[in-house]
Amino acid sequence: MTAAVKKKAQTKFRNRKVKFDETVQRVVYVGALDLAPASRPLRCGAQVKMKLYSDSKGVGGEEVEVTAEPPEVPVDADAPEATAPEEDSEDRDRRPRYMRSFETKVAEEERQVLEGCHEGEVVRRAKTYAWVRPLEPAKFPEEARMKLQEMCEGFRKKAEDGGHGKPFCGGIEEDVVYVANPDLVSKGTILSVGMKVSFKLYIDNKGVGGYDVHASEEHIEKMLEAIRKNFETEEGRAKSLQLRDAFGEGPDSFKDVLWVGECTHSFSLAAGRLAGVIPFAEETQHPFSLNKAWCSTELRWPRTLEKKLELDLVENLKLLRSKGVWCADEVNGVKLQQTLEKAKCPHNSFDTIFWMMPYVPDRQWRPPASISTMMYYYIQAFLESAAHVCTENGQLVVVVTSAQCLSWNLYNCKPKWQDRELQPEVWWFDVAPFEKHGYQSRFGDGRDRYVDYPVFHRLCDTVAVCWKMNSSAPPEGAEVEVRGVSEDDIAARKKLLEEVGKDPS
């Protein structure tokens, strides 16, 4: 079928019998994922060739190819030079909804900005805000000091009267400054506890806050250096999951791999580059051809509300599929066998089933106290599902931060398979090589969906929790040999990272 690209839809098709008026012009939906691999980008007025499909939402086009570009519009040399239009209400509405809501909130709270720049340390973090302990509160203007004390005392009293047994800001006795995420200068920054920041002050009808907030680059670099050093020691390397152990190395030892939860497939793409089956960026040559089954899947790929993610997805899919990697969405990590069959996956068993940074896919934020138990059972459901499509000597791998590993109780997550319990092993996992080749870890609840370059997980120790299919519980009373990273190792690393950047005196 051939057609011309229009700007917007005028009529929707539905899966029901209707009588069409042949004089009305109709259009077909085409998404970015429906373009043929070698197709040029669509432009208004272009002629295209495509196949039709119908679904519960209507009629669309797939395998879309551009057959003729629209004619170029001649430029009138005498026409006045175009100037950028002023931002109107329609342009402002294109910004993320949380920014529009935030600006309304700032106006309602009657914010008054104060002069001067201050430094502090993040002591508490939530989804949309953080609490910062100022390093020199005596330098605050007197009005701000009094208002800050009043605000924090109010929160402490509210926490005491609430009866939940949770003191304000972890029980800190010093007064702390409120920082909302939109007040961060860099969209790519998500504050973490212990991070040093600089900020300017404001007061409003709720208290005292910080704006124009900069994370200390020096502090971030020190944390990254401390994380890197872990993989440079002999002990750190011995307790790390190596690439060859997860995916194989070289054509004679590659493994059959299934990736789960790949939003834009950036992790499986980076793994392919590190393994040598996909060329590095801006290169065309690679040493090996893939001779094993690699399948990269997701429950739901990003759509039109997440333009950058969608464009990244399209490019990654083209590259992975060109090298023989099978890619599909609508594959559910807790219903792997059924959804892989429904997606017509060409393979039904794998040596490694790998989930990088697992999350519950409903994109709802939850407080840490409730998410821990939920994630324990969610990961256990994934493991029990994955066991049905894993080879007899294969392994199931979940990569999380070390703090999540402890909080979610993964050392005691022992899914049942046949007549035994699978035993977890925990290993350090170096994310840096994957980030070098395009991987970006994101929050499952979508809090960083508008961030171009998320950095949060770079500032954490990361571990790979592995369950080997041939493992089993030791005999009762037998001494258990701990392989890999122990809980004490994680606690020691946590203390080390918290000390980064602190004054030795």
Protein backbone atom coordinates (compact mmCIF):
# COMPACT_ATOMS: atom_id res chain seq x y z
CA MET A 1 0.00 0.00 0.00
CA THR A 2 1.26 3.51 -0.82
CA ALA A 3 0.26 6.68 1.00
CA ALA A 4 1.29 10.26 1.77
CA VAL A 5 2.39 11.44 5.21
CA LYS A 6 -0.09 13.86 6.82
CA LYS A 7 0.42 16.09 9.84
CA LYS A 8 -2.36 14.76 12.03
CA ALA A 9 -5.08 12.12 12.03
CA GLN A 10 -8.54 13.18 10.85
CA THR A 11 -10.45 9.94 11.36
CA LYS A 12 -9.84 6.86 13.51
CA PHE A 13 -10.52 3.33 12.31
CA ARG A 14 -12.00 0.87 14.80
CA ASN A 15 -12.44 -2.88 14.76
CA ARG A 16 -16.10 -2.77 14.04
CA LYS A 17 -18.29 -2.78 10.94
CA VAL A 18 -18.97 0.76 9.77
CA LYS A 19 -20.05 2.36 6.52
CA PHE A 20 -17.28 4.61 5.24
CA ASP A 21 -17.91 7.86 3.39
CA GLU A 22 -15.52 7.62 0.43
CA THR A 23 -15.32 11.44 0.18
CA VAL A 24 -13.65 11.73 3.60
CA GLN A 25 -9.85 11.54 3.69
CA ARG A 26 -8.56 8.97 6.18
CA VAL A 27 -5.16 8.37 7.73
CA VAL A 28 -3.29 5.46 9.27
CA TYR A 29 -1.23 5.51 12.48
CA VAL A 30 2.53 4.93 12.09
CA GLY A 31 4.88 4.83 15.10
CA ALA A 32 8.67 5.23 15.06
CA LEU A 33 9.05 1.49 15.68
CA ASP A 34 7.03 0.74 12.52
CA LEU A 35 9.69 2.13 10.15
CA ALA A 36 11.59 -0.40 8.05
CA PRO A 37 15.22 -0.84 9.22
CA ALA A 38 16.75 1.10 6.30
CA SER A 39 14.01 3.69 5.94
CA ARG A 40 14.68 7.42 5.99
CA PRO A 41 12.91 9.57 8.64
CA LEU A 42 9.33 10.56 7.79
CA ARG A 43 8.57 14.11 6.66
CA CYS A 44 5.21 15.71 5.94
CA GLY A 45 4.30 15.18 2.31
CA ALA A 46 6.57 12.14 1.78
CA GLN A 47 5.22 9.15 -0.18
CA VAL A 48 5.51 5.84 1.68
CA LYS A 49 5.00 2.13 1.12
CA MET A 50 3.72 0.00 4.02
CA LYS A 51 1.77 -2.99 5.21
CA LEU A 52 -1.45 -2.59 7.18
CA TYR A 53 -2.38 -4.13 10.52
CA SER A 54 -5.36 -3.77 12.83
CA ASP A 55 -5.51 -4.01 16.60
CA SER A 56 -7.81 -3.05 19.46
CA LYS A 57 -7.05 0.65 18.91
CA GLY A 58 -7.58 0.83 15.16
CA VAL A 59 -5.51 0.51 11.98
CA GLY A 60 -1.79 1.19 11.58
CA GLY A 61 1.08 0.77 9.17
CA GLU A 62 4.21 -1.34 9.60
CA GLU A 63 7.42 -1.98 7.59
CA VAL A 64 7.07 1.61 6.39
CA GLU A 65 9.49 2.75 3.65
CA VAL A 66 9.82 6.21 2.11
CA THR A 67 9.46 5.97 -1.67
CA ALA A 68 9.48 9.69 -2.51
CA GLU A 69 10.54 12.72 -0.51
CA PRO A 70 8.32 15.85 -0.45
CA PRO A 71 9.36 18.70 -2.78
CA GLU A 72 11.62 21.33 -1.28
CA VAL A 73 9.94 24.68 -0.58
CA PRO A 74 11.81 27.46 -2.46
CA VAL A 75 13.31 30.18 -0.29
CA ASP A 76 12.28 33.77 -1.11
CA ALA A 77 15.43 35.88 -0.94
CA ASP A 78 13.40 39.05 -0.39
CA ALA A 79 11.43 37.61 2.51
CA PRO A 80 12.26 39.04 5.95
CA GLU A 81 14.48 36.86 8.16
CA ALA A 82 12.45 34.68 10.47
CA THR A 83 12.76 35.31 14.18
CA ALA A 84 12.14 32.83 16.96
CA PRO A 85 8.60 33.24 18.32
CA GLU A 86 8.13 34.08 21.95
CA GLU A 87 7.16 31.20 24.20
CA ASP A 88 3.39 31.00 24.41
CA SER A 89 1.11 28.94 26.59
CA GLU A 90 1.08 26.09 24.06
CA ASP A 91 4.90 25.89 24.06
CA ARG A 92 4.99 25.93 27.86
CA ASP A 93 2.52 23.06 27.97
CA ARG A 94 4.99 20.89 26.09
CA ARG A 95 7.28 20.87 29.10
CA PRO A 96 7.07 17.98 31.55
CA ARG A 97 3.96 18.17 33.70
CA TYR A 98 5.96 18.11 36.93
CA MET A 99 7.71 21.36 35.90
CA ARG A 100 4.41 23.12 35.24
CA SER A 101 3.07 21.93 38.60
CA PHE A 102 6.27 23.00 40.33
CA GLU A 103 6.09 26.54 38.95
CA THR A 104 2.50 26.84 40.18
CA LYS A 105 3.58 25.57 43.61
CA VAL A 106 6.44 28.12 43.81
CA ALA A 107 4.05 30.96 43.03
CA GLU A 108 1.52 29.80 45.62
CA GLU A 109 4.17 29.52 48.33
CA GLU A 110 5.36 33.11 47.72
CA ARG A 111 9.07 32.29 47.34
CA GLN A 112 11.57 35.05 48.18
CA VAL A 113 15.17 34.40 47.08
CA LEU A 114 18.09 35.50 49.26
CA GLU A 115 21.60 36.54 48.33
CA GLY A 116 24.66 34.40 48.95
CA CYS A 117 25.80 30.85 48.22
CA HIS A 118 26.11 28.09 50.82
CA GLU A 119 27.40 24.52 51.08
CA GLY A 120 25.84 21.42 52.62
CA GLU A 121 25.59 17.65 52.71
CA VAL A 122 22.61 15.53 51.68
CA VAL A 123 21.35 13.62 54.74
CA ARG A 124 18.01 12.30 53.45
CA ARG A 125 16.57 11.69 49.97
CA ALA A 126 13.10 10.90 48.65
CA LYS A 127 11.66 10.65 45.15
CA THR A 128 11.09 14.37 44.55
CA TYR A 129 13.15 16.12 47.22
CA ALA A 130 16.06 15.87 49.65
CA TRP A 131 17.12 17.31 53.00
CA VAL A 132 20.50 19.06 53.15
CA ARG A 133 22.49 19.78 56.33
CA PRO A 134 24.16 23.19 55.90
CA LEU A 135 27.86 23.14 56.74
CA GLU A 136 27.88 26.72 58.08
CA PRO A 137 24.33 27.67 59.12
CA ALA A 138 25.68 30.66 61.07
CA LYS A 139 26.25 32.40 57.74
CA PHE A 140 22.51 32.31 56.97
CA PRO A 141 20.65 35.63 57.29
CA GLU A 142 18.96 35.92 60.69
CA GLU A 143 15.48 35.78 59.16
CA ALA A 144 16.37 32.52 57.39
CA ARG A 145 17.89 30.97 60.55
CA MET A 146 14.76 31.70 62.57
CA LYS A 147 12.44 30.42 59.84
CA LEU A 148 14.60 27.28 59.37
CA GLN A 149 14.46 26.49 63.09
CA GLU A 150 10.70 27.00 63.13
CA MET A 151 10.20 24.73 60.10
CA CYS A 152 12.34 21.86 61.44
CA GLU A 153 10.81 22.01 64.93
CA GLY A 154 7.39 21.81 63.31
CA PHE A 155 8.38 18.71 61.37
CA ARG A 156 9.88 17.08 64.48
CA LYS A 157 6.72 17.69 66.47
CA LYS A 158 4.58 16.38 63.61
CA ALA A 159 6.69 13.21 63.46
CA GLU A 160 6.39 12.70 67.25
CA ASP A 161 2.62 13.25 67.25
CA GLY A 162 2.17 10.97 64.23
CA GLY A 163 2.77 7.86 66.30
CA HIS A 164 4.68 6.04 63.53
CA GLY A 165 7.91 5.84 65.52
CA LYS A 166 9.90 7.51 62.72
CA PRO A 167 11.71 10.70 63.74
CA PHE A 168 12.02 13.56 61.29
CA CYS A 169 14.93 13.16 58.89
CA GLY A 170 16.28 10.09 60.69
CA GLY A 171 16.42 11.87 64.03
CA ILE A 172 19.01 14.49 63.06
CA GLU A 173 19.31 17.21 65.68
CA GLU A 174 20.66 19.88 63.35
CA ASP A 175 18.31 21.97 61.23
CA VAL A 176 18.16 20.96 57.58
CA VAL A 177 17.24 22.75 54.36
CA TYR A 178 14.59 21.44 51.95
CA VAL A 179 15.64 20.91 48.31
CA ALA A 180 13.13 20.00 45.57
CA ASN A 181 14.43 18.11 42.52
CA PRO A 182 13.39 20.85 40.05
CA ASP A 183 15.68 23.25 41.95
CA LEU A 184 18.71 21.21 40.84
CA VAL A 185 20.74 22.97 38.15
CA SER A 186 21.53 19.76 36.24
CA LYS A 187 18.66 17.56 35.11
CA GLY A 188 21.04 14.61 35.19
CA THR A 189 21.70 14.87 38.92
CA ILE A 190 19.74 12.82 41.43
CA LEU A 191 21.00 13.53 44.93
CA SER A 192 22.29 10.70 47.09
CA VAL A 193 22.98 10.63 50.82
CA GLY A 194 26.45 11.94 51.66
CA MET A 195 26.73 14.03 48.48
CA LYS A 196 28.17 17.53 48.92
CA VAL A 197 26.18 20.36 47.31
CA SER A 198 26.23 24.14 46.97
CA PHE A 199 22.99 26.11 46.94
CA LYS A 200 21.32 29.49 47.31
CA LEU A 201 18.60 30.12 49.88
CA TYR A 202 14.98 31.10 49.62
CA ILE A 203 12.22 31.54 52.18
CA ASP A 204 8.51 31.06 51.58
CA ASN A 205 5.32 30.54 53.58
CA LYS A 206 6.39 26.95 54.41
CA GLY A 207 9.95 27.51 55.57
CA VAL A 208 13.44 27.57 54.07
CA GLY A 209 14.70 25.82 50.96
CA GLY A 210 17.62 25.66 48.58
CA TYR A 211 17.58 26.50 44.88
CA ASP A 212 20.20 26.72 42.11
CA VAL A 213 21.62 23.54 43.65
CA HIS A 214 24.91 22.17 42.30
CA ALA A 215 26.26 18.76 43.23
CA SER A 216 29.95 18.95 44.06
CA GLU A 217 31.86 17.58 41.05
CA GLU A 218 34.89 17.04 43.27
CA HIS A 219 32.85 14.92 45.69
CA ILE A 220 31.27 12.90 42.84
CA GLU A 221 34.70 12.24 41.34
CA LYS A 222 36.02 11.05 44.72
CA MET A 223 33.11 8.64 45.05
CA LEU A 224 33.63 7.32 41.51
CA GLU A 225 37.33 6.89 42.23
CA ALA A 226 36.55 4.91 45.40
CA ILE A 227 34.20 2.66 43.41
CA ARG A 228 36.77 2.16 40.63
CA LYS A 229 39.50 1.23 43.11
CA ASN A 230 37.41 -1.72 44.31
CA PHE A 231 37.86 -3.38 40.89
CA GLU A 232 41.58 -2.63 40.75
CA THR A 233 42.45 -4.74 43.80
CA GLU A 234 43.12 -8.47 43.58
CA GLU A 235 40.38 -9.18 46.14
CA GLY A 236 37.89 -6.96 44.30
CA ARG A 237 38.52 -8.70 40.97
CA ALA A 238 38.28 -12.13 42.59
CA LYS A 239 34.86 -11.24 44.00
CA SER A 240 33.50 -9.72 40.76
CA LEU A 241 31.26 -11.27 38.12
CA GLN A 242 33.25 -11.29 34.90
CA LEU A 243 31.76 -10.72 31.46
CA ARG A 244 32.81 -14.18 30.29
CA ASP A 245 30.99 -15.81 33.21
CA ALA A 246 27.72 -14.12 32.31
CA PHE A 247 27.74 -14.03 28.50
CA GLY A 248 30.74 -16.04 27.35
CA GLU A 249 33.90 -14.93 25.59
CA GLY A 250 34.80 -15.68 21.97
CA PRO A 251 32.88 -17.74 19.39
CA ASP A 252 33.64 -21.05 21.09
CA SER A 253 32.31 -20.06 24.51
CA PHE A 254 29.41 -17.65 23.95
CA LYS A 255 26.31 -18.51 25.97
CA ASP A 256 22.63 -18.47 25.03
CA VAL A 257 21.43 -15.32 26.82
CA LEU A 258 18.02 -13.85 27.60
CA TRP A 259 17.89 -10.25 28.81
CA VAL A 260 14.77 -9.14 30.67
CA GLY A 261 13.54 -5.59 31.35
CA GLU A 262 15.51 -3.86 28.57
CA CYS A 263 13.81 -0.46 28.22
CA THR A 264 15.90 0.73 25.26
CA HIS A 265 18.17 -2.34 24.98
CA SER A 266 21.16 -0.17 25.85
CA PHE A 267 22.55 -2.75 28.29
CA SER A 268 22.37 -5.72 25.91
CA LEU A 269 23.85 -3.48 23.20
CA ALA A 270 26.76 -2.52 25.49
CA ALA A 271 27.24 -6.21 26.41
CA GLY A 272 27.41 -7.06 22.70
CA ARG A 273 30.06 -4.42 22.13
CA LEU A 274 32.15 -5.61 25.08
CA ALA A 275 31.83 -9.22 23.90
CA GLY A 276 32.95 -8.27 20.40
CA VAL A 277 29.82 -9.23 18.44
CA ILE A 278 28.66 -5.62 17.84
CA PRO A 279 30.96 -2.82 16.62
CA PHE A 280 31.80 0.04 18.94
CA ALA A 281 30.13 3.39 18.26
CA GLU A 282 31.31 5.00 15.01
CA GLU A 283 33.06 1.78 13.98
CA THR A 284 32.00 -0.88 11.49
CA GLN A 285 34.28 -3.81 12.31
CA HIS A 286 33.93 -6.30 15.16
CA PRO A 287 35.98 -9.44 15.86
CA PHE A 288 33.27 -12.09 16.28
CA SER A 289 30.00 -13.23 14.73
CA LEU A 290 27.23 -14.25 17.09
CA ASN A 291 26.73 -18.01 16.93
CA LYS A 292 24.44 -18.33 19.94
CA ALA A 293 20.89 -17.30 20.84
CA TRP A 294 20.79 -13.78 22.26
CA CYS A 295 17.33 -12.43 23.04
CA SER A 296 16.67 -8.97 24.46
CA THR A 297 13.18 -8.29 25.82
CA GLU A 298 11.02 -5.78 27.66
CA LEU A 299 7.48 -5.72 29.01
CA ARG A 300 6.61 -2.36 27.47
CA TRP A 301 8.83 -0.20 25.28
CA PRO A 302 8.81 3.62 25.68
CA ARG A 303 6.24 5.43 23.56
CA THR A 304 5.62 8.91 22.19
CA LEU A 305 5.63 10.70 25.58
CA GLU A 306 9.30 9.77 25.99
CA LYS A 307 10.78 10.97 22.69
CA LYS A 308 14.47 10.57 23.48
CA LEU A 309 14.00 7.08 24.87
CA GLU A 310 11.93 6.13 21.84
CA LEU A 311 14.58 7.38 19.42
CA ASP A 312 17.31 5.55 21.35
CA LEU A 313 15.17 2.42 21.22
CA VAL A 314 14.73 2.60 17.44
CA GLU A 315 18.48 2.95 16.82
CA ASN A 316 19.40 0.17 19.27
CA LEU A 317 16.84 -2.22 17.79
CA LYS A 318 18.21 -1.70 14.28
CA LEU A 319 21.76 -2.44 15.40
CA LEU A 320 20.92 -5.45 17.58
CA ARG A 321 18.67 -7.06 14.96
CA SER A 322 21.27 -6.52 12.25
CA LYS A 323 23.65 -8.72 14.29
CA GLY A 324 21.14 -11.52 14.86
CA VAL A 325 19.80 -10.55 18.30
CA TRP A 326 16.07 -11.31 18.67
CA CYS A 327 14.26 -8.36 20.29
CA ALA A 328 10.66 -8.10 21.47
CA ASP A 329 8.41 -6.36 23.96
CA GLU A 330 5.37 -7.71 25.82
CA VAL A 331 7.64 -10.26 27.52
CA ASN A 332 6.79 -10.42 31.23
CA GLY A 333 9.62 -11.28 33.62
CA VAL A 334 7.30 -13.16 35.98
CA LYS A 335 5.57 -15.05 33.14
CA LEU A 336 8.52 -15.77 30.91
CA GLN A 337 7.57 -19.11 29.37
CA GLN A 338 4.04 -18.01 28.39
CA THR A 339 4.97 -14.56 27.09
CA LEU A 340 8.04 -15.76 25.16
CA GLU A 341 5.86 -18.31 23.39
CA LYS A 342 3.23 -15.66 22.66
CA ALA A 343 5.93 -13.35 21.26
CA LYS A 344 7.11 -16.26 19.05
CA CYS A 345 10.60 -16.32 20.50
CA PRO A 346 12.75 -18.67 18.36
CA HIS A 347 14.42 -20.15 21.45
CA ASN A 348 12.99 -21.84 24.54
CA SER A 349 16.00 -22.29 26.84
CA PHE A 350 19.00 -20.18 27.84
CA ASP A 351 22.31 -20.53 29.69
CA THR A 352 22.02 -17.09 31.32
CA ILE A 353 18.86 -15.14 32.10
CA PHE A 354 19.86 -11.62 33.08
CA TRP A 355 17.87 -8.74 34.60
CA MET A 356 19.76 -5.46 34.99
CA MET A 357 18.25 -3.26 37.72
CA PRO A 358 14.84 -4.97 38.18
CA TYR A 359 11.74 -2.94 38.90
CA VAL A 360 7.97 -3.32 39.18
CA PRO A 361 6.65 -2.06 35.83
CA ASP A 362 3.67 0.00 37.02
CA ARG A 363 5.86 3.13 37.43
CA GLN A 364 4.42 3.93 40.82
CA TRP A 365 6.77 5.39 43.42
CA ARG A 366 6.71 3.67 46.80
CA PRO A 367 8.44 4.50 50.10
CA PRO A 368 11.53 2.38 50.84
CA ALA A 369 9.82 0.68 53.79
CA SER A 370 7.15 -0.87 51.57
CA ILE A 371 9.22 -1.56 48.46
CA SER A 372 11.71 -3.91 50.16
CA THR A 373 9.27 -6.75 50.87
CA MET A 374 7.52 -6.26 47.55
CA MET A 375 10.79 -6.48 45.57
CA TYR A 376 11.85 -9.60 47.46
CA TYR A 377 8.73 -11.44 46.35
CA TYR A 378 8.80 -9.89 42.87
CA ILE A 379 12.36 -11.09 42.24
CA GLN A 380 11.49 -14.50 43.67
CA ALA A 381 8.57 -14.71 41.22
CA PHE A 382 10.95 -13.80 38.38
CA LEU A 383 13.40 -16.52 39.43
CA GLU A 384 10.71 -19.19 39.62
CA SER A 385 9.44 -18.10 36.20
CA ALA A 386 12.94 -17.96 34.67
CA ALA A 387 13.84 -21.43 35.94
CA HIS A 388 11.41 -22.91 33.40
CA VAL A 389 13.41 -21.50 30.46
CA CYS A 390 16.92 -21.96 31.86
CA THR A 391 19.22 -24.85 31.00
CA GLU A 392 20.12 -27.48 33.58
CA ASN A 393 23.56 -25.92 34.24
CA GLY A 394 22.49 -22.34 33.57
CA GLN A 395 22.23 -19.34 35.87
CA LEU A 396 19.78 -16.60 36.77
CA VAL A 397 21.32 -13.17 37.38
CA VAL A 398 19.85 -10.01 38.91
CA VAL A 399 21.97 -6.83 39.18
CA VAL A 400 21.08 -4.34 41.95
CA THR A 401 22.87 -1.83 44.14
CA SER A 402 24.55 -3.28 47.21
CA ALA A 403 22.12 -1.35 49.43
CA GLN A 404 19.16 -2.89 47.57
CA CYS A 405 20.67 -6.35 47.96
CA LEU A 406 20.61 -5.95 51.75
CA SER A 407 17.33 -4.05 51.97
CA TRP A 408 15.51 -6.55 49.73
CA ASN A 409 16.97 -9.49 51.68
CA LEU A 410 18.34 -11.17 48.54
CA TYR A 411 20.90 -13.17 50.52
CA ASN A 412 17.92 -15.15 51.80
CA CYS A 413 15.99 -15.28 48.52
CA LYS A 414 16.03 -19.02 47.74
CA PRO A 415 13.43 -19.92 45.11
CA LYS A 416 12.27 -23.51 44.94
CA TRP A 417 12.97 -25.46 41.78
CA GLN A 418 11.91 -29.09 41.47
CA ASP A 419 12.96 -30.69 44.78
CA ARG A 420 15.54 -28.17 46.00
CA GLU A 421 16.18 -24.52 46.85
CA LEU A 422 18.45 -22.47 44.59
CA GLN A 423 21.21 -20.75 46.57
CA PRO A 424 22.23 -17.13 45.87
CA GLU A 425 25.81 -16.00 45.33
CA VAL A 426 26.62 -12.28 45.40
CA TRP A 427 29.43 -10.75 43.32
CA TRP A 428 30.60 -7.20 42.72
CA PHE A 429 29.50 -5.93 39.29
CA ASP A 430 31.40 -3.20 37.43
CA VAL A 431 28.87 -1.04 35.57
CA ALA A 432 31.47 1.43 34.22
CA PRO A 433 32.45 -0.55 31.06
CA PHE A 434 28.79 -0.84 30.07
CA GLU A 435 28.22 2.89 30.66
CA LYS A 436 31.23 3.63 28.46
CA HIS A 437 29.40 1.90 25.61
CA GLY A 438 26.00 3.52 26.00
CA TYR A 439 24.24 1.92 28.96
CA GLN A 440 22.31 4.25 31.28
CA SER A 441 20.63 2.85 34.39
CA ARG A 442 17.27 4.40 35.22
CA PHE A 443 14.74 4.24 38.03
CA GLY A 444 11.86 1.85 37.41
CA ASP A 445 9.31 4.32 38.80
CA GLY A 446 10.13 6.79 36.02
CA ARG A 447 11.40 9.63 38.26
CA ASP A 448 14.27 10.26 35.80
CA ARG A 449 12.34 9.78 32.56
CA TYR A 450 13.09 13.39 31.55
CA VAL A 451 16.79 13.14 32.45
CA ASP A 452 19.06 12.80 29.42
CA TYR A 453 22.02 11.34 31.31
CA PRO A 454 21.02 9.78 34.65
CA VAL A 455 23.92 9.31 37.06
CA PHE A 456 22.43 7.97 40.29
CA HIS A 457 23.59 4.34 40.01
CA ARG A 458 27.12 5.43 39.13
CA LEU A 459 27.52 6.55 42.76
CA CYS A 460 26.64 3.17 44.28
CA ASP A 461 28.40 -0.13 44.66
CA THR A 462 26.62 -2.59 42.39
CA VAL A 463 26.33 -6.36 42.84
CA ALA A 464 25.20 -9.27 40.70
CA VAL A 465 23.15 -11.85 42.59
CA CYS A 466 23.42 -15.23 40.84
CA TRP A 467 21.40 -18.41 41.29
CA LYS A 468 22.92 -21.44 39.56
CA MET A 469 20.39 -24.01 38.46
CA ASN A 470 22.53 -26.88 39.77
CA SER A 471 22.95 -25.32 43.23
CA SER A 472 21.25 -26.64 46.34
CA ALA A 473 21.17 -26.04 50.07
CA PRO A 474 24.03 -27.58 52.08
CA PRO A 475 23.22 -30.49 54.42
CA GLU A 476 21.75 -29.41 57.73
CA GLY A 477 24.48 -28.56 60.22
CA ALA A 478 27.20 -28.34 57.56
CA GLU A 479 29.46 -25.28 57.48
CA VAL A 480 28.43 -22.93 54.69
CA GLU A 481 31.23 -21.66 52.45
CA VAL A 482 30.60 -18.05 51.44
CA ARG A 483 31.62 -17.43 47.82
CA GLY A 484 31.80 -13.92 46.47
CA VAL A 485 30.70 -10.87 48.48
CA SER A 486 29.49 -11.21 52.05
CA GLU A 487 27.12 -8.89 53.91
CA ASP A 488 30.11 -7.71 55.96
CA ASP A 489 31.91 -6.77 52.72
CA ILE A 490 28.94 -4.61 51.68
CA ALA A 491 28.75 -2.95 55.11
CA ALA A 492 32.48 -2.13 55.00
CA ARG A 493 32.17 -0.63 51.50
CA LYS A 494 29.14 1.43 52.59
CA LYS A 495 31.12 2.91 55.47
CA LEU A 496 34.05 3.67 53.17
CA LEU A 497 31.84 5.55 50.65
CA GLU A 498 30.15 7.53 53.42
CA GLU A 499 33.58 8.74 54.56
CA VAL A 500 34.53 9.98 51.08
CA GLY A 501 35.09 13.74 51.09
CA LYS A 502 34.83 14.16 54.85
CA ASP A 503 37.39 16.27 56.67
CA PRO A 504 39.82 13.84 58.40
CA SER A 505 39.98 16.17 61.39
